[in-house]
């Protein structure tokens, strides 16, 4: 099996690091490293950066120095893994702020020579999105149509050229027993081993 360069974005904003998202990330990294993959962890809870507030800053500003290491990890990766909890139907605001800062024009996208079409600067990369939630995953997927997840896939990752994307939805985390948690951790370790 070919080894990969992987960037894992830990999107839970709690710096205490004791959430199920952190355990899932650790399991993935354990499996990936055991298989010889190189994984760079980007733990957004431990990175300080300002929130973008203007159109001009997004298009013409420069990402802060605190995010340069994360940008380099994403740039060099063949595969991205994004893990986050579902908050109010979407990703936590701090993860969205991170994405807005990092996936800027000039890094993730750029205007084409005709000024109309966008160049996908991250083409050739793949991604796997892991979302934890309190509700049953089937409710999120079929009743809510996984709207926020589809937005991340289509409007951000694919817009930058990152595809295909895989999804893992983990529901009922608040009421999950230890046996079920261990099953999910084992599944994440297997995904890490396979570099998916």
Protein backbone atom coordinates (compact mmCIF):
# COMPACT_ATOMS: atom_id res chain seq x y z
CA UNK A 1 0.00 0.00 0.00
CA UNK A 2 1.26 3.45 -0.90
CA UNK A 3 1.90 5.68 2.10
CA UNK A 4 0.35 9.14 2.19
CA UNK A 5 0.91 12.61 3.52
CA UNK A 6 -2.17 13.35 5.63
CA UNK A 7 -3.30 16.55 7.34
CA UNK A 8 -5.83 15.96 10.12
CA UNK A 9 -7.84 19.04 11.11
CA UNK A 10 -9.18 18.58 14.65
CA UNK A 11 -12.15 20.93 14.52
CA UNK A 12 -13.42 20.72 18.09
CA UNK A 13 -12.76 24.14 19.65
CA UNK A 14 -12.43 22.89 23.25
CA UNK A 15 -8.73 23.20 24.22
CA UNK A 16 -9.16 20.74 27.11
CA UNK A 17 -8.85 17.95 24.55
CA UNK A 18 -11.10 15.44 26.29
CA UNK A 19 -13.94 15.23 23.77
CA UNK A 20 -14.88 12.22 21.65
CA UNK A 21 -13.62 14.08 18.58
CA UNK A 22 -10.14 14.11 20.13
CA UNK A 23 -10.30 10.36 20.81
CA UNK A 24 -11.37 9.74 17.21
CA UNK A 25 -8.47 11.82 15.92
CA UNK A 26 -5.99 9.99 18.16
CA UNK A 27 -7.30 6.62 16.94
CA UNK A 28 -6.99 7.70 13.31
CA UNK A 29 -3.43 8.95 13.84
CA UNK A 30 -2.46 5.74 15.65
CA UNK A 31 -3.67 3.62 12.73
CA UNK A 32 -2.15 5.88 10.09
CA UNK A 33 1.26 5.99 11.72
CA UNK A 34 1.25 2.22 12.24
CA UNK A 35 0.76 1.83 8.47
CA UNK A 36 3.60 4.24 7.67
CA UNK A 37 1.53 7.28 6.72
CA UNK A 38 2.81 10.71 7.74
CA UNK A 39 0.11 12.61 9.65
CA UNK A 40 0.28 16.26 10.63
CA UNK A 41 -2.27 17.24 13.28
CA UNK A 42 -3.84 20.69 13.08
CA UNK A 43 -5.63 21.25 16.40
CA UNK A 44 -7.52 24.50 15.89
CA UNK A 45 -8.33 24.87 19.60
CA UNK A 46 -4.65 25.61 20.23
CA UNK A 47 -4.20 28.15 17.44
CA UNK A 48 -5.00 31.81 18.05
CA UNK A 49 -6.18 33.77 15.03
CA UNK A 50 -8.57 36.65 14.32
CA UNK A 51 -11.96 36.23 12.69
CA UNK A 52 -12.28 37.71 9.21
CA UNK A 53 -14.61 40.69 9.15
CA UNK A 54 -14.32 42.25 5.69
CA UNK A 55 -14.47 41.24 2.05
CA UNK A 56 -11.21 43.10 1.44
CA UNK A 57 -9.39 41.17 4.14
CA UNK A 58 -10.52 37.82 2.72
CA UNK A 59 -9.50 38.63 -0.84
CA UNK A 60 -6.51 40.89 -0.31
CA UNK A 61 -5.32 40.24 3.25
CA UNK A 62 -2.69 37.79 4.42
CA UNK A 63 -3.36 34.82 6.65
CA UNK A 64 -1.85 35.38 10.11
CA UNK A 65 1.52 33.91 11.00
CA UNK A 66 -0.13 31.56 13.50
CA UNK A 67 -1.77 29.70 10.60
CA UNK A 68 1.27 29.32 8.36
CA UNK A 69 2.14 25.88 9.73
CA UNK A 70 -1.43 24.70 9.15
CA UNK A 71 -1.35 26.02 5.60
CA UNK A 72 1.92 24.21 4.92
CA UNK A 73 0.49 20.96 6.30
CA UNK A 74 -2.59 21.25 4.07
CA UNK A 75 -0.50 22.24 1.05
CA UNK A 76 1.81 19.23 1.38
CA UNK A 77 -0.94 16.73 2.18
CA UNK A 78 -2.41 14.32 -0.33
CA UNK A 79 -5.38 13.64 1.94
CA UNK A 80 -7.26 15.76 4.48
CA UNK A 81 -9.26 14.48 7.44
CA UNK A 82 -11.62 16.94 9.13
CA UNK A 83 -13.21 15.98 12.45
CA UNK A 84 -15.76 18.16 14.21
CA UNK A 85 -18.95 18.11 16.32
CA UNK A 86 -22.26 19.27 14.91
CA UNK A 87 -23.25 22.48 16.71
CA UNK A 88 -26.60 24.10 15.89
CA UNK A 89 -26.76 22.13 12.66
CA UNK A 90 -23.30 23.05 11.37
CA UNK A 91 -19.61 23.10 12.22
CA UNK A 92 -18.46 25.14 15.24
CA UNK A 93 -17.89 28.81 14.45
CA UNK A 94 -14.18 28.62 15.28
CA UNK A 95 -13.66 25.88 12.68
CA UNK A 96 -15.50 27.97 10.08
CA UNK A 97 -13.30 30.95 11.01
CA UNK A 98 -10.22 28.75 10.56
CA UNK A 99 -11.38 27.63 7.12
CA UNK A 100 -12.09 31.23 6.07
CA UNK A 101 -8.61 32.29 7.15
CA UNK A 102 -6.77 29.37 5.55
CA UNK A 103 -8.73 28.66 2.34
CA UNK A 104 -8.15 32.11 0.86
CA UNK A 105 -7.63 33.21 -2.73
CA UNK A 106 -4.02 32.63 -3.64
CA UNK A 107 -3.83 29.49 -1.51
CA UNK A 108 -6.97 27.45 -2.19
CA UNK A 109 -8.46 29.24 -5.19
CA UNK A 110 -7.50 31.96 -7.62
CA UNK A 111 -9.21 33.92 -10.34
CA UNK A 112 -8.63 32.56 -13.81
CA UNK A 113 -7.18 34.68 -16.57
CA UNK A 114 -10.68 35.50 -17.83
CA UNK A 115 -11.61 36.88 -14.40
CA UNK A 116 -14.73 34.70 -14.29
CA UNK A 117 -13.73 31.12 -13.54
CA UNK A 118 -11.81 30.10 -10.45
CA UNK A 119 -8.65 28.00 -10.53
CA UNK A 120 -8.74 25.13 -8.04
CA UNK A 121 -5.35 25.36 -6.35
CA UNK A 122 -5.81 22.30 -4.12
CA UNK A 123 -6.75 19.92 -6.92
CA UNK A 124 -5.51 16.37 -6.57
CA UNK A 125 -6.20 16.08 -2.84
CA UNK A 126 -8.90 13.93 -1.27
CA UNK A 127 -10.77 14.37 2.01
CA UNK A 128 -12.67 12.51 4.70
CA UNK A 129 -15.07 14.40 6.96
CA UNK A 130 -16.03 12.93 10.33
CA UNK A 131 -18.96 14.57 12.14
CA UNK A 132 -20.18 13.71 15.64
CA UNK A 133 -23.65 14.67 16.82
CA UNK A 134 -26.23 14.14 19.54
CA UNK A 135 -29.05 13.21 17.17
CA UNK A 136 -29.18 9.92 15.26
CA UNK A 137 -27.04 10.22 12.15
CA UNK A 138 -29.91 9.03 9.95
CA UNK A 139 -32.01 12.02 11.07
CA UNK A 140 -29.23 14.42 10.12
CA UNK A 141 -28.75 12.75 6.74
CA UNK A 142 -32.36 12.16 5.70
CA UNK A 143 -34.50 14.70 7.56
CA UNK A 144 -32.03 17.61 7.58
CA UNK A 145 -30.43 16.39 4.30
CA UNK A 146 -26.94 16.87 5.82
CA UNK A 147 -27.13 20.41 4.46
CA UNK A 148 -24.14 21.86 6.30
CA UNK A 149 -21.97 18.84 5.48
CA UNK A 150 -22.86 19.10 1.79
CA UNK A 151 -22.01 22.80 1.90
CA UNK A 152 -18.53 22.00 3.26
CA UNK A 153 -18.02 19.35 0.60
CA UNK A 154 -19.34 21.26 -2.42
CA UNK A 155 -18.89 24.93 -1.62
CA UNK A 156 -15.51 24.74 0.05
CA UNK A 157 -13.55 21.53 -0.54
CA UNK A 158 -14.67 20.72 -4.09
CA UNK A 159 -14.60 24.40 -5.04
CA UNK A 160 -10.88 24.30 -4.17
CA UNK A 161 -10.38 21.06 -6.12
CA UNK A 162 -10.45 18.61 -3.19
CA UNK A 163 -12.36 15.48 -4.24
CA UNK A 164 -13.61 12.92 -3.77
CA UNK A 165 -14.76 13.37 -0.19
CA UNK A 166 -15.88 10.60 2.13
CA UNK A 167 -18.16 11.02 5.13
CA UNK A 168 -18.46 9.33 8.49
CA UNK A 169 -21.43 10.44 10.61
CA UNK A 170 -21.44 9.39 14.26
CA UNK A 171 -24.75 9.96 15.98
CA UNK A 172 -26.02 9.74 19.57
CA UNK A 173 -22.59 10.49 21.04
CA UNK A 174 -24.11 11.84 24.27
CA UNK A 175 -25.82 8.56 25.06
CA UNK A 176 -23.26 6.19 23.52
CA UNK A 177 -22.00 3.38 25.78
CA UNK A 178 -18.35 2.41 26.13
CA UNK A 179 -18.70 -0.61 23.83
CA UNK A 180 -20.04 1.53 20.98
CA UNK A 181 -17.35 4.14 21.52
CA UNK A 182 -14.68 1.45 21.28
CA UNK A 183 -16.23 0.22 18.03
CA UNK A 184 -16.00 3.72 16.55
CA UNK A 185 -12.43 4.15 17.75
CA UNK A 186 -11.49 0.84 16.14
CA UNK A 187 -13.19 1.96 12.92
CA UNK A 188 -11.19 5.21 12.95
CA UNK A 189 -7.96 3.31 13.51
CA UNK A 190 -8.74 1.12 10.49
CA UNK A 191 -9.47 4.22 8.41
CA UNK A 192 -6.13 5.64 9.49
CA UNK A 193 -4.32 2.46 8.49
CA UNK A 194 -5.88 2.62 5.04
CA UNK A 195 -5.16 6.35 4.70
CA UNK A 196 -8.82 7.12 4.02
